[in-house]
C-alpha atoms as a PDB file:
ATOM      1  CA  UNK A   1      72.604  97.628 106.473  1.00  0.00           C
ATOM      2  CA  UNK A   2      76.162  97.103 107.210  1.00  0.00           C
ATOM      3  CA  UNK A   3      78.128  99.963 108.345  1.00  0.00           C
ATOM      4  CA  UNK A   4      80.873 101.033 105.802  1.00  0.00           C
ATOM      5  CA  UNK A   5      84.088 102.760 105.890  1.00  0.00           C
ATOM      6  CA  UNK A   6      83.264 105.911 103.748  1.00  0.00           C
ATOM      7  CA  UNK A   7      85.583 108.692 102.550  1.00  0.00           C
ATOM      8  CA  UNK A   8      84.095 112.014 101.671  1.00  0.00           C
ATOM      9  CA  UNK A   9      86.125 114.803  99.718  1.00  0.00           C
ATOM     10  CA  UNK A  10      86.218 118.345 101.120  1.00  0.00           C
ATOM     11  CA  UNK A  11      86.301 120.756  98.144  1.00  0.00           C
ATOM     12  CA  UNK A  12      86.595 124.201 100.192  1.00  0.00           C
ATOM     13  CA  UNK A  13      87.271 125.644 103.510  1.00  0.00           C
ATOM     14  CA  UNK A  14      84.051 125.467 105.697  1.00  0.00           C
ATOM     15  CA  UNK A  15      82.468 122.969 103.230  1.00  0.00           C
ATOM     16  CA  UNK A  16      79.071 122.637 104.611  1.00  0.00           C
ATOM     17  CA  UNK A  17      77.880 120.002 102.090  1.00  0.00           C
ATOM     18  CA  UNK A  18      80.751 117.703 103.003  1.00  0.00           C
ATOM     19  CA  UNK A  19      79.938 118.249 106.704  1.00  0.00           C
ATOM     20  CA  UNK A  20      76.168 117.351 106.134  1.00  0.00           C
ATOM     21  CA  UNK A  21      77.026 114.167 104.115  1.00  0.00           C
ATOM     22  CA  UNK A  22      79.426 113.119 106.817  1.00  0.00           C
ATOM     23  CA  UNK A  23      76.842 113.454 109.370  1.00  0.00           C
ATOM     24  CA  UNK A  24      74.067 111.805 107.621  1.00  0.00           C
ATOM     25  CA  UNK A  25      76.192 108.753 106.951  1.00  0.00           C
ATOM     26  CA  UNK A  26      77.267 108.532 110.523  1.00  0.00           C
ATOM     27  CA  UNK A  27      73.730 108.777 111.558  1.00  0.00           C
ATOM     28  CA  UNK A  28      73.060 105.718 109.308  1.00  0.00           C
ATOM     29  CA  UNK A  29      75.836 103.915 111.121  1.00  0.00           C
ATOM     30  CA  UNK A  30      78.607 104.371 108.662  1.00  0.00           C
ATOM     31  CA  UNK A  31      82.193 105.317 109.593  1.00  0.00           C
ATOM     32  CA  UNK A  32      82.514 108.477 107.422  1.00  0.00           C
ATOM     33  CA  UNK A  33      85.405 110.865 107.345  1.00  0.00           C
ATOM     34  CA  UNK A  34      86.557 113.862 105.171  1.00  0.00           C
ATOM     35  CA  UNK A  35      89.833 114.300 103.246  1.00  0.00           C
ATOM     36  CA  UNK A  36      90.812 117.244 101.313  1.00  0.00           C
ATOM     37  CA  UNK A  37      90.416 116.694  97.564  1.00  0.00           C
ATOM     38  CA  UNK A  38      94.002 117.252  96.487  1.00  0.00           C
ATOM     39  CA  UNK A  39      95.220 114.640  98.974  1.00  0.00           C
ATOM     40  CA  UNK A  40      95.295 111.073  98.221  1.00  0.00           C
ATOM     41  CA  UNK A  41      92.032 109.291  98.961  1.00  0.00           C
ATOM     42  CA  UNK A  42      92.374 107.236 102.107  1.00  0.00           C
ATOM     43  CA  UNK A  43      93.165 103.540 102.155  1.00  0.00           C
ATOM     44  CA  UNK A  44      91.259 100.876 103.628  1.00  0.00           C
ATOM     45  CA  UNK A  45      87.803 102.367 102.698  1.00  0.00           C
ATOM     46  CA  UNK A  46      84.922 100.451 101.301  1.00  0.00           C
ATOM     47  CA  UNK A  47      82.969 103.475  99.873  1.00  0.00           C
ATOM     48  CA  UNK A  48      83.981 106.758  98.223  1.00  0.00           C
ATOM     49  CA  UNK A  49      81.185 109.236  98.580  1.00  0.00           C
ATOM     50  CA  UNK A  50      81.648 112.234  96.126  1.00  0.00           C
ATOM     51  CA  UNK A  51      79.495 115.091  95.397  1.00  0.00           C
ATOM     52  CA  UNK A  52      79.669 118.401  93.437  1.00  0.00           C
ATOM     53  CA  UNK A  53      81.982 118.569  91.747  1.00  0.00           C
ATOM     54  CA  UNK A  54      83.575 121.861  92.610  1.00  0.00           C
ATOM     55  CA  UNK A  55      87.141 120.809  90.749  1.00  0.00           C
ATOM     56  CA  UNK A  56      88.107 118.010  88.520  1.00  0.00           C
ATOM     57  CA  UNK A  57      86.683 114.760  89.800  1.00  0.00           C
ATOM     58  CA  UNK A  58      88.274 112.393  87.333  1.00  0.00           C
ATOM     59  CA  UNK A  59      91.730 112.225  89.101  1.00  0.00           C
ATOM     60  CA  UNK A  60      89.901 111.197  92.394  1.00  0.00           C
ATOM     61  CA  UNK A  61      87.955 108.504  90.690  1.00  0.00           C
ATOM     62  CA  UNK A  62      90.741 107.276  88.682  1.00  0.00           C
ATOM     63  CA  UNK A  63      93.117 106.942  91.716  1.00  0.00           C
ATOM     64  CA  UNK A  64      90.786 104.487  93.340  1.00  0.00           C
ATOM     65  CA  UNK A  65      89.901 102.545  90.077  1.00  0.00           C
ATOM     66  CA  UNK A  66      93.647 101.475  90.090  1.00  0.00           C
ATOM     67  CA  UNK A  67      93.248  99.736  93.389  1.00  0.00           C
ATOM     68  CA  UNK A  68      93.134  95.817  93.164  1.00  0.00           C
ATOM     69  CA  UNK A  69      90.546  93.477  94.723  1.00  0.00           C
ATOM     70  CA  UNK A  70      88.903  94.315  97.897  1.00  0.00           C
ATOM     71  CA  UNK A  71      91.093  97.433  98.190  1.00  0.00           C
ATOM     72  CA  UNK A  72      88.830  99.155  95.531  1.00  0.00           C
ATOM     73  CA  UNK A  73      85.931 100.925  96.950  1.00  0.00           C
ATOM     74  CA  UNK A  74      82.503 101.350  95.460  1.00  0.00           C
ATOM     75  CA  UNK A  75      82.280 105.019  94.068  1.00  0.00           C
ATOM     76  CA  UNK A  76      78.971 106.908  94.718  1.00  0.00           C
ATOM     77  CA  UNK A  77      78.372 110.323  93.329  1.00  0.00           C
ATOM     78  CA  UNK A  78      75.832 113.088  94.170  1.00  0.00           C
ATOM     79  CA  UNK A  79      75.668 115.630  91.520  1.00  0.00           C
ATOM     80  CA  UNK A  80      74.797 119.051  92.705  1.00  0.00           C
ATOM     81  CA  UNK A  81      75.748 120.914  89.740  1.00  0.00           C
ATOM     82  CA  UNK A  82      73.806 122.194  86.607  1.00  0.00           C
ATOM     83  CA  UNK A  83      73.867 121.076  82.973  1.00  0.00           C
ATOM     84  CA  UNK A  84      74.166 123.274  79.813  1.00  0.00           C
ATOM     85  CA  UNK A  85      71.007 124.847  78.422  1.00  0.00           C
ATOM     86  CA  UNK A  86      68.160 122.434  78.366  1.00  0.00           C
ATOM     87  CA  UNK A  87      67.223 123.948  74.876  1.00  0.00           C
ATOM     88  CA  UNK A  88      70.322 122.025  73.523  1.00  0.00           C
ATOM     89  CA  UNK A  89      69.578 118.387  72.591  1.00  0.00           C
ATOM     90  CA  UNK A  90      71.092 116.113  75.237  1.00  0.00           C
ATOM     91  CA  UNK A  91      72.790 113.896  72.615  1.00  0.00           C
ATOM     92  CA  UNK A  92      74.663 117.200  71.423  1.00  0.00           C
ATOM     93  CA  UNK A  93      75.440 118.082  75.049  1.00  0.00           C
ATOM     94  CA  UNK A  94      76.927 114.564  75.665  1.00  0.00           C
ATOM     95  CA  UNK A  95      79.051 114.941  72.443  1.00  0.00           C
ATOM     96  CA  UNK A  96      80.427 118.178  73.456  1.00  0.00           C
ATOM     97  CA  UNK A  97      80.962 117.020  77.074  1.00  0.00           C
ATOM     98  CA  UNK A  98      83.202 114.321  75.700  1.00  0.00           C
ATOM     99  CA  UNK A  99      85.368 116.720  74.044  1.00  0.00           C
ATOM    100  CA  UNK A 100      85.399 118.862  77.117  1.00  0.00           C
ATOM    101  CA  UNK A 101      86.048 116.069  79.350  1.00  0.00           C
ATOM    102  CA  UNK A 102      88.989 114.944  77.222  1.00  0.00           C
ATOM    103  CA  UNK A 103      90.554 118.412  77.346  1.00  0.00           C
ATOM    104  CA  UNK A 104      90.093 118.319  81.405  1.00  0.00           C
ATOM    105  CA  UNK A 105      91.874 115.169  81.487  1.00  0.00           C
ATOM    106  CA  UNK A 106      95.056 116.311  79.570  1.00  0.00           C
ATOM    107  CA  UNK A 107      96.474 117.974  82.603  1.00  0.00           C
ATOM    108  CA  UNK A 108      96.702 114.643  84.718  1.00  0.00           C
ATOM    109  CA  UNK A 109      97.594 112.431  81.820  1.00  0.00           C
ATOM    110  CA  UNK A 110     100.186 109.931  82.228  1.00  0.00           C
ATOM    111  CA  UNK A 111     101.535 111.128  78.960  1.00  0.00           C
ATOM    112  CA  UNK A 112     104.078 114.013  79.158  1.00  0.00           C
ATOM    113  CA  UNK A 113     103.113 115.151  75.684  1.00  0.00           C
ATOM    114  CA  UNK A 114      99.391 115.421  76.927  1.00  0.00           C
ATOM    115  CA  UNK A 115     100.311 117.218  79.938  1.00  0.00           C
ATOM    116  CA  UNK A 116     102.444 119.739  77.778  1.00  0.00           C
ATOM    117  CA  UNK A 117      99.428 120.174  75.348  1.00  0.00           C
ATOM    118  CA  UNK A 118      97.309 121.197  78.540  1.00  0.00           C
ATOM    119  CA  UNK A 119      99.448 124.150  79.054  1.00  0.00           C
ATOM    120  CA  UNK A 120      99.130 125.497  75.637  1.00  0.00           C
ATOM    121  CA  UNK A 121      96.403 127.381  73.557  1.00  0.00           C
ATOM    122  CA  UNK A 122      93.852 126.554  72.809  1.00  0.00           C
ATOM    123  CA  UNK A 123      93.684 123.786  75.530  1.00  0.00           C
ATOM    124  CA  UNK A 124      94.681 125.926  78.538  1.00  0.00           C
ATOM    125  CA  UNK A 125      91.879 128.269  77.548  1.00  0.00           C
ATOM    126  CA  UNK A 126      89.106 125.674  76.979  1.00  0.00           C
ATOM    127  CA  UNK A 127      90.055 124.064  80.288  1.00  0.00           C
ATOM    128  CA  UNK A 128      88.865 127.165  82.061  1.00  0.00           C
ATOM    129  CA  UNK A 129      85.410 127.192  80.544  1.00  0.00           C
ATOM    130  CA  UNK A 130      82.459 125.030  79.601  1.00  0.00           C
ATOM    131  CA  UNK A 131      82.647 123.323  83.109  1.00  0.00           C
ATOM    132  CA  UNK A 132      78.882 122.005  82.889  1.00  0.00           C
ATOM    133  CA  UNK A 133      79.831 120.288  79.695  1.00  0.00           C
ATOM    134  CA  UNK A 134      82.859 118.675  81.626  1.00  0.00           C
ATOM    135  CA  UNK A 135      80.512 117.434  84.212  1.00  0.00           C
ATOM    136  CA  UNK A 136      78.415 115.564  81.627  1.00  0.00           C
ATOM    137  CA  UNK A 137      81.570 114.233  79.819  1.00  0.00           C
ATOM    138  CA  UNK A 138      83.169 113.329  82.829  1.00  0.00           C
ATOM    139  CA  UNK A 139      80.211 111.114  84.230  1.00  0.00           C
ATOM    140  CA  UNK A 140      79.910 109.471  80.915  1.00  0.00           C
ATOM    141  CA  UNK A 141      83.713 108.771  80.853  1.00  0.00           C
ATOM    142  CA  UNK A 142      83.768 107.194  84.358  1.00  0.00           C
ATOM    143  CA  UNK A 143      80.585 105.278  84.064  1.00  0.00           C
ATOM    144  CA  UNK A 144      81.649 103.542  80.783  1.00  0.00           C
ATOM    145  CA  UNK A 145      84.895 102.451  82.319  1.00  0.00           C
ATOM    146  CA  UNK A 146      83.320 101.159  85.457  1.00  0.00           C
ATOM    147  CA  UNK A 147      84.764 103.827  87.739  1.00  0.00           C
ATOM    148  CA  UNK A 148      81.450 105.264  88.761  1.00  0.00           C
ATOM    149  CA  UNK A 149      78.933 102.739  90.263  1.00  0.00           C
ATOM    150  CA  UNK A 150      76.104 104.828  91.866  1.00  0.00           C
ATOM    151  CA  UNK A 151      75.035 108.184  90.479  1.00  0.00           C
ATOM    152  CA  UNK A 152      72.531 110.476  91.961  1.00  0.00           C
ATOM    153  CA  UNK A 153      71.227 113.918  91.080  1.00  0.00           C
ATOM    154  CA  UNK A 154      69.467 116.435  93.254  1.00  0.00           C
ATOM    155  CA  UNK A 155      67.196 117.462  90.088  1.00  0.00           C
ATOM    156  CA  UNK A 156      64.454 115.072  88.783  1.00  0.00           C
ATOM    157  CA  UNK A 157      64.718 116.721  85.528  1.00  0.00           C
ATOM    158  CA  UNK A 158      68.472 116.048  85.011  1.00  0.00           C
ATOM    159  CA  UNK A 159      67.954 112.433  86.286  1.00  0.00           C
ATOM    160  CA  UNK A 160      65.371 111.933  83.504  1.00  0.00           C
ATOM    161  CA  UNK A 161      67.713 113.104  80.805  1.00  0.00           C
ATOM    162  CA  UNK A 162      70.537 110.875  82.030  1.00  0.00           C
ATOM    163  CA  UNK A 163      68.217 107.782  82.505  1.00  0.00           C
ATOM    164  CA  UNK A 164      66.896 108.182  78.886  1.00  0.00           C
ATOM    165  CA  UNK A 165      70.448 108.224  77.733  1.00  0.00           C
ATOM    166  CA  UNK A 166      71.299 105.039  79.379  1.00  0.00           C
ATOM    167  CA  UNK A 167      73.022 106.190  82.546  1.00  0.00           C
ATOM    168  CA  UNK A 168      71.101 105.089  85.600  1.00  0.00           C
ATOM    169  CA  UNK A 169      70.655 108.078  88.046  1.00  0.00           C
ATOM    170  CA  UNK A 170      68.774 108.123  91.277  1.00  0.00           C
ATOM    171  CA  UNK A 171      66.692 111.294  92.275  1.00  0.00           C
ATOM    172  CA  UNK A 172      68.095 112.576  95.508  1.00  0.00           C
ATOM    173  CA  UNK A 173      66.349 116.123  96.108  1.00  0.00           C
ATOM    174  CA  UNK A 174      67.681 118.688  98.495  1.00  0.00           C
ATOM    175  CA  UNK A 175      66.470 118.319 102.133  1.00  0.00           C
ATOM    176  CA  UNK A 176      66.695 119.452 105.536  1.00  0.00           C
ATOM    177  CA  UNK A 177      69.508 118.330 107.791  1.00  0.00           C
ATOM    178  CA  UNK A 178      69.862 119.100 111.565  1.00  0.00           C
ATOM    179  CA  UNK A 179      73.570 120.374 110.624  1.00  0.00           C
ATOM    180  CA  UNK A 180      71.977 123.232 108.868  1.00  0.00           C
ATOM    181  CA  UNK A 181      68.990 124.382 110.914  1.00  0.00           C
ATOM    182  CA  UNK A 182      68.210 125.468 114.493  1.00  0.00           C
ATOM    183  CA  UNK A 183      65.258 127.221 116.199  1.00  0.00           C
ATOM    184  CA  UNK A 184      67.026 130.111 117.826  1.00  0.00           C
ATOM    185  CA  UNK A 185      63.899 132.097 118.815  1.00  0.00           C
ATOM    186  CA  UNK A 186      65.532 135.262 117.368  1.00  0.00           C
ATOM    187  CA  UNK A 187      63.761 138.428 116.440  1.00  0.00           C
ATOM    188  CA  UNK A 188      62.971 138.411 112.837  1.00  0.00           C
ATOM    189  CA  UNK A 189      64.855 141.738 112.330  1.00  0.00           C
ATOM    190  CA  UNK A 190      65.843 141.339 108.848  1.00  0.00           C
ATOM    191  CA  UNK A 191      63.009 141.600 106.179  1.00  0.00           C
ATOM    192  CA  UNK A 192      64.970 140.025 103.145  1.00  0.00           C
ATOM    193  CA  UNK A 193      68.140 138.110 102.889  1.00  0.00           C
ATOM    194  CA  UNK A 194      70.166 137.094  99.842  1.00  0.00           C
ATOM    195  CA  UNK A 195      72.833 134.428 100.168  1.00  0.00           C
ATOM    196  CA  UNK A 196      75.496 133.482  97.573  1.00  0.00           C
ATOM    197  CA  UNK A 197      77.358 134.730  94.618  1.00  0.00           C
ATOM    198  CA  UNK A 198      75.660 136.867  92.045  1.00  0.00           C
ATOM    199  CA  UNK A 199      77.284 134.586  89.524  1.00  0.00           C
ATOM    200  CA  UNK A 200      75.542 136.039  86.284  1.00  0.00           C
ATOM    201  CA  UNK A 201      74.761 139.434  84.914  1.00  0.00           C
ATOM    202  CA  UNK A 202      71.145 138.291  84.927  1.00  0.00           C
ATOM    203  CA  UNK A 203      71.031 137.175  88.635  1.00  0.00           C
ATOM    204  CA  UNK A 204      73.062 140.308  89.601  1.00  0.00           C
ATOM    205  CA  UNK A 205      70.650 142.659  87.715  1.00  0.00           C
ATOM    206  CA  UNK A 206      67.407 141.231  88.987  1.00  0.00           C
ATOM    207  CA  UNK A 207      69.015 141.412  92.619  1.00  0.00           C
ATOM    208  CA  UNK A 208      69.835 144.925  92.104  1.00  0.00           C
ATOM    209  CA  UNK A 209      66.415 145.712  90.518  1.00  0.00           C
ATOM    210  CA  UNK A 210      64.678 144.362  93.743  1.00  0.00           C
ATOM    211  CA  UNK A 211      66.769 146.277  96.056  1.00  0.00           C
ATOM    212  CA  UNK A 212      66.292 149.486  94.449  1.00  0.00           C
ATOM    213  CA  UNK A 213      62.484 149.087  94.169  1.00  0.00           C
ATOM    214  CA  UNK A 214      62.327 148.052  97.801  1.00  0.00           C
ATOM    215  CA  UNK A 215      64.636 150.937  99.000  1.00  0.00           C
ATOM    216  CA  UNK A 216      62.000 153.718  99.183  1.00  0.00           C
ATOM    217  CA  UNK A 217      59.807 151.446 101.543  1.00  0.00           C
ATOM    218  CA  UNK A 218      62.686 151.125 104.137  1.00  0.00           C
ATOM    219  CA  UNK A 219      62.997 147.332 103.786  1.00  0.00           C
ATOM    220  CA  UNK A 220      65.872 146.026 105.595  1.00  0.00           C
ATOM    221  CA  UNK A 221      67.785 143.814 103.173  1.00  0.00           C
ATOM    222  CA  UNK A 222      70.845 142.057 103.989  1.00  0.00           C
ATOM    223  CA  UNK A 223      73.051 141.042 100.920  1.00  0.00           C
ATOM    224  CA  UNK A 224      75.622 138.278 101.735  1.00  0.00           C
ATOM    225  CA  UNK A 225      77.257 137.953  98.170  1.00  0.00           C
ATOM    226  CA  UNK A 226      80.923 138.549  99.286  1.00  0.00           C
ATOM    227  CA  UNK A 227      80.719 141.971  97.854  1.00  0.00           C
ATOM    228  CA  UNK A 228      78.418 144.080 100.029  1.00  0.00           C
ATOM    229  CA  UNK A 229      78.807 141.647 103.040  1.00  0.00           C
ATOM    230  CA  UNK A 230      81.005 138.469 103.269  1.00  0.00           C
ATOM    231  CA  UNK A 231      79.305 135.002 102.494  1.00  0.00           C
ATOM    232  CA  UNK A 232      77.761 133.440 105.489  1.00  0.00           C
ATOM    233  CA  UNK A 233      78.362 129.794 106.591  1.00  0.00           C
ATOM    234  CA  UNK A 234      77.547 127.345 109.275  1.00  0.00           C
ATOM    235  CA  UNK A 235      76.302 128.890 112.525  1.00  0.00           C
ATOM    236  CA  UNK A 236      76.389 132.523 111.101  1.00  0.00           C
ATOM    237  CA  UNK A 237      74.228 131.382 108.220  1.00  0.00           C
ATOM    238  CA  UNK A 238      71.885 129.900 110.625  1.00  0.00           C
ATOM    239  CA  UNK A 239      71.581 132.876 112.631  1.00  0.00           C
ATOM    240  CA  UNK A 240      70.923 135.071 109.786  1.00  0.00           C
ATOM    241  CA  UNK A 241      68.211 132.758 108.365  1.00  0.00           C
ATOM    242  CA  UNK A 242      66.542 132.842 111.864  1.00  0.00           C
ATOM    243  CA  UNK A 243      66.538 136.486 111.863  1.00  0.00           C
ATOM    244  CA  UNK A 244      65.194 136.767 108.242  1.00  0.00           C
ATOM    245  CA  UNK A 245      61.450 136.998 107.343  1.00  0.00           C
ATOM    246  CA  UNK A 246      62.085 136.321 103.805  1.00  0.00           C
ATOM    247  CA  UNK A 247      64.971 134.591 101.695  1.00  0.00           C
ATOM    248  CA  UNK A 248      65.005 135.658  98.138  1.00  0.00           C
ATOM    249  CA  UNK A 249      65.639 133.241  95.337  1.00  0.00           C
ATOM    250  CA  UNK A 250      67.123 134.176  91.852  1.00  0.00           C
ATOM    251  CA  UNK A 251      68.694 131.664  89.647  1.00  0.00           C
ATOM    252  CA  UNK A 252      71.803 132.047  87.617  1.00  0.00           C
ATOM    253  CA  UNK A 253      69.937 130.842  84.448  1.00  0.00           C
ATOM    254  CA  UNK A 254      66.275 130.181  83.576  1.00  0.00           C
ATOM    255  CA  UNK A 255      66.716 126.464  83.972  1.00  0.00           C
ATOM    256  CA  UNK A 256      68.996 126.070  86.922  1.00  0.00           C
ATOM    257  CA  UNK A 257      68.112 123.867  89.821  1.00  0.00           C
ATOM    258  CA  UNK A 258      68.533 126.101  92.910  1.00  0.00           C
ATOM    259  CA  UNK A 259      66.576 124.280  95.482  1.00  0.00           C
ATOM    260  CA  UNK A 260      69.596 123.943  97.777  1.00  0.00           C
ATOM    261  CA  UNK A 261      68.686 127.464  98.866  1.00  0.00           C
ATOM    262  CA  UNK A 262      65.231 126.177  99.755  1.00  0.00           C
ATOM    263  CA  UNK A 263      66.852 123.483 102.060  1.00  0.00           C
ATOM    264  CA  UNK A 264      68.838 126.135 103.798  1.00  0.00           C
ATOM    265  CA  UNK A 265      66.030 128.657 104.455  1.00  0.00           C
ATOM    266  CA  UNK A 266      62.754 126.572 104.994  1.00  0.00           C
ATOM    267  CA  UNK A 267      64.123 124.495 108.046  1.00  0.00           C
ATOM    268  CA  UNK A 268      65.129 127.798 109.526  1.00  0.00           C
ATOM    269  CA  UNK A 269      61.530 129.206 109.129  1.00  0.00           C
ATOM    270  CA  UNK A 270      62.625 131.849 106.589  1.00  0.00           C
ATOM    271  CA  UNK A 271      59.982 132.370 103.895  1.00  0.00           C
ATOM    272  CA  UNK A 272      61.171 131.611 100.379  1.00  0.00           C
ATOM    273  CA  UNK A 273      60.008 133.982  97.685  1.00  0.00           C
ATOM    274  CA  UNK A 274      61.472 133.031  94.107  1.00  0.00           C
ATOM    275  CA  UNK A 275      61.168 133.964  90.472  1.00  0.00           C
ATOM    276  CA  UNK A 276      59.460 131.003  88.568  1.00  0.00           C
ATOM    277  CA  UNK A 277      61.585 127.904  88.453  1.00  0.00           C
ATOM    278  CA  UNK A 278      61.482 124.536  86.790  1.00  0.00           C
ATOM    279  CA  UNK A 279      60.220 121.552  88.766  1.00  0.00           C
ATOM    280  CA  UNK A 280      63.538 120.088  89.651  1.00  0.00           C
ATOM    281  CA  UNK A 281      62.322 119.079  92.892  1.00  0.00           C
ATOM    282  CA  UNK A 282      58.846 117.921  92.659  1.00  0.00           C
ATOM    283  CA  UNK A 283      58.140 117.731  96.419  1.00  0.00           C
ATOM    284  CA  UNK A 284      58.282 121.638  96.692  1.00  0.00           C
ATOM    285  CA  UNK A 285      54.923 122.988  95.584  1.00  0.00           C
ATOM    286  CA  UNK A 286      54.716 126.665  94.447  1.00  0.00           C
ATOM    287  CA  UNK A 287      52.449 128.893  96.723  1.00  0.00           C
ATOM    288  CA  UNK A 288      52.286 125.944  99.232  1.00  0.00           C
ATOM    289  CA  UNK A 289      55.933 125.421 100.324  1.00  0.00           C
ATOM    290  CA  UNK A 290      57.125 128.886  98.741  1.00  0.00           C
ATOM    291  CA  UNK A 291      55.864 131.814  96.932  1.00  0.00           C
ATOM    292  CA  UNK A 292      56.530 132.247  93.233  1.00  0.00           C
ATOM    293  CA  UNK A 293      56.362 135.568  91.600  1.00  0.00           C
ATOM    294  CA  UNK A 294      57.221 136.945  88.060  1.00  0.00           C
ATOM    295  CA  UNK A 295      60.360 138.881  88.085  1.00  0.00           C
ATOM    296  CA  UNK A 296      58.485 142.140  87.434  1.00  0.00           C
ATOM    297  CA  UNK A 297      56.314 141.549  90.625  1.00  0.00           C
ATOM    298  CA  UNK A 298      59.107 140.383  93.163  1.00  0.00           C
ATOM    299  CA  UNK A 299      59.176 143.504  94.972  1.00  0.00           C
ATOM    300  CA  UNK A 300      55.419 143.915  95.243  1.00  0.00           C
ATOM    301  CA  UNK A 301      55.149 140.207  96.436  1.00  0.00           C
ATOM    302  CA  UNK A 302      57.938 140.911  99.057  1.00  0.00           C
ATOM    303  CA  UNK A 303      56.030 143.861 100.268  1.00  0.00           C
ATOM    304  CA  UNK A 304      52.674 141.919 100.435  1.00  0.00           C
ATOM    305  CA  UNK A 305      54.142 139.099 102.660  1.00  0.00           C
ATOM    306  CA  UNK A 306      56.053 141.523 104.970  1.00  0.00           C
ATOM    307  CA  UNK A 307      52.610 143.093 105.660  1.00  0.00           C
ATOM    308  CA  UNK A 308      50.595 139.948 105.898  1.00  0.00           C
ATOM    309  CA  UNK A 309      52.387 137.881 108.561  1.00  0.00           C
ATOM    310  CA  UNK A 310      49.644 135.168 109.014  1.00  0.00           C
ATOM    311  CA  UNK A 311      49.866 134.231 105.394  1.00  0.00           C
ATOM    312  CA  UNK A 312      53.598 134.274 105.390  1.00  0.00           C
ATOM    313  CA  UNK A 313      53.512 131.888 108.713  1.00  0.00           C
ATOM    314  CA  UNK A 314      51.327 129.474 106.875  1.00  0.00           C
ATOM    315  CA  UNK A 315      53.593 128.920 104.088  1.00  0.00           C
ATOM    316  CA  UNK A 316      56.565 128.828 106.386  1.00  0.00           C
ATOM    317  CA  UNK A 317      54.998 126.204 108.345  1.00  0.00           C
ATOM    318  CA  UNK A 318      54.281 124.111 105.351  1.00  0.00           C
ATOM    319  CA  UNK A 319      57.891 124.282 104.263  1.00  0.00           C
ATOM    320  CA  UNK A 320      59.297 123.588 107.696  1.00  0.00           C
ATOM    321  CA  UNK A 321      57.115 120.463 107.990  1.00  0.00           C
ATOM    322  CA  UNK A 322      58.112 119.204 104.687  1.00  0.00           C
ATOM    323  CA  UNK A 323      61.827 119.682 104.893  1.00  0.00           C
ATOM    324  CA  UNK A 324      62.016 118.050 108.511  1.00  0.00           C
ATOM    325  CA  UNK A 325      59.900 115.045 107.666  1.00  0.00           C
ATOM    326  CA  UNK A 326      59.262 113.796 104.147  1.00  0.00           C
ATOM    327  CA  UNK A 327      62.202 115.730 102.446  1.00  0.00           C
ATOM    328  CA  UNK A 328      64.965 115.214 105.133  1.00  0.00           C
ATOM    329  CA  UNK A 329      68.290 114.833 103.414  1.00  0.00           C
ATOM    330  CA  UNK A 330      68.838 111.727 105.325  1.00  0.00           C
ATOM    331  CA  UNK A 331      66.341 109.931 103.143  1.00  0.00           C
ATOM    332  CA  UNK A 332      68.242 110.530  99.967  1.00  0.00           C
ATOM    333  CA  UNK A 333      71.723 109.560 101.537  1.00  0.00           C
ATOM    334  CA  UNK A 334      70.168 106.365 102.647  1.00  0.00           C
ATOM    335  CA  UNK A 335      68.880 105.716  99.195  1.00  0.00           C
ATOM    336  CA  UNK A 336      72.268 106.089  97.754  1.00  0.00           C
ATOM    337  CA  UNK A 337      73.726 103.764 100.317  1.00  0.00           C
ATOM    338  CA  UNK A 338      71.164 101.187  99.640  1.00  0.00           C
ATOM    339  CA  UNK A 339      72.377 101.264  95.881  1.00  0.00           C
ATOM    340  CA  UNK A 340      75.896 100.860  97.197  1.00  0.00           C
ATOM    341  CA  UNK A 341      75.023  97.707  99.132  1.00  0.00           C
ATOM    342  CA  UNK A 342      73.285  96.448  96.081  1.00  0.00           C
ATOM    343  CA  UNK A 343      76.675  97.048  93.988  1.00  0.00           C
ATOM    344  CA  UNK A 344      78.630  95.404  96.723  1.00  0.00           C
ATOM    345  CA  UNK A 345      76.194  92.267  96.831  1.00  0.00           C
ATOM    346  CA  UNK A 346      76.816  91.641  93.197  1.00  0.00           C
END
């Protein structure tokens, strides 16, 4: 494959995802570099590789769609965000998504009247909510206009919905990347770790319940939720995962794709114990690569695997081997760039 000049947006400070994508692109022989998402997209690029999104994506795509001829890059996007409740018919989700996308586009419209409307009720309020609908609507809007050339998703469930609706979508599951793991040979002195925002009342309540149930047993739990303790990133997160026997997985909603947590914990040899989750990532097998437990039994399951080290290590080995071979993130990025090359050859 030819090496391409690739630009990758950086959405936040300490953007691990951007760093990982840039690293894997460079490993594939591409000239990849990041740019802050509010800055102009660099010129003289051949591919714009976006992901997330963690803010409005349409202005970025539209800005390069206006470029002419060979100055216009191929746009590839890896969706890492959820969609609305799976019980809602996808046709309805797309219709609501188109409305939500329209509201989101008002603020950067060329029309002064549209930009004014975006600052007034009810539009200003709507633009702060229903972000999952906006993602769906934005993808449809961009694809129909030829602004989005390659779309991929970390969830095979979401891929199936989009493909059935006529939007070609590649399945690129979460995988291990050497940017995010290391064997530090540290003592496993943390029994259980939780990483990330509490996010919803559901997840917060489950997390508090597990902590309260484990407290009488003297289980050492580290909560990196930016409330009890700061979020952990980069080398700090790798260190803590190397110290944690168990990583707890709880989703925001019953249908969410939360396998990014698996891709962080498993290569650092921390056992994942999770509530039941949907098969967003079909390569991960319950009770082979991670332990699944009913919410009511999470605490008992944690205590069991703290006491049974050999069983814990068996699952840890399975997950580590999967994430560092078959399910390396490198493979998914290559699949996307192979699709980019096909677009460029047509």
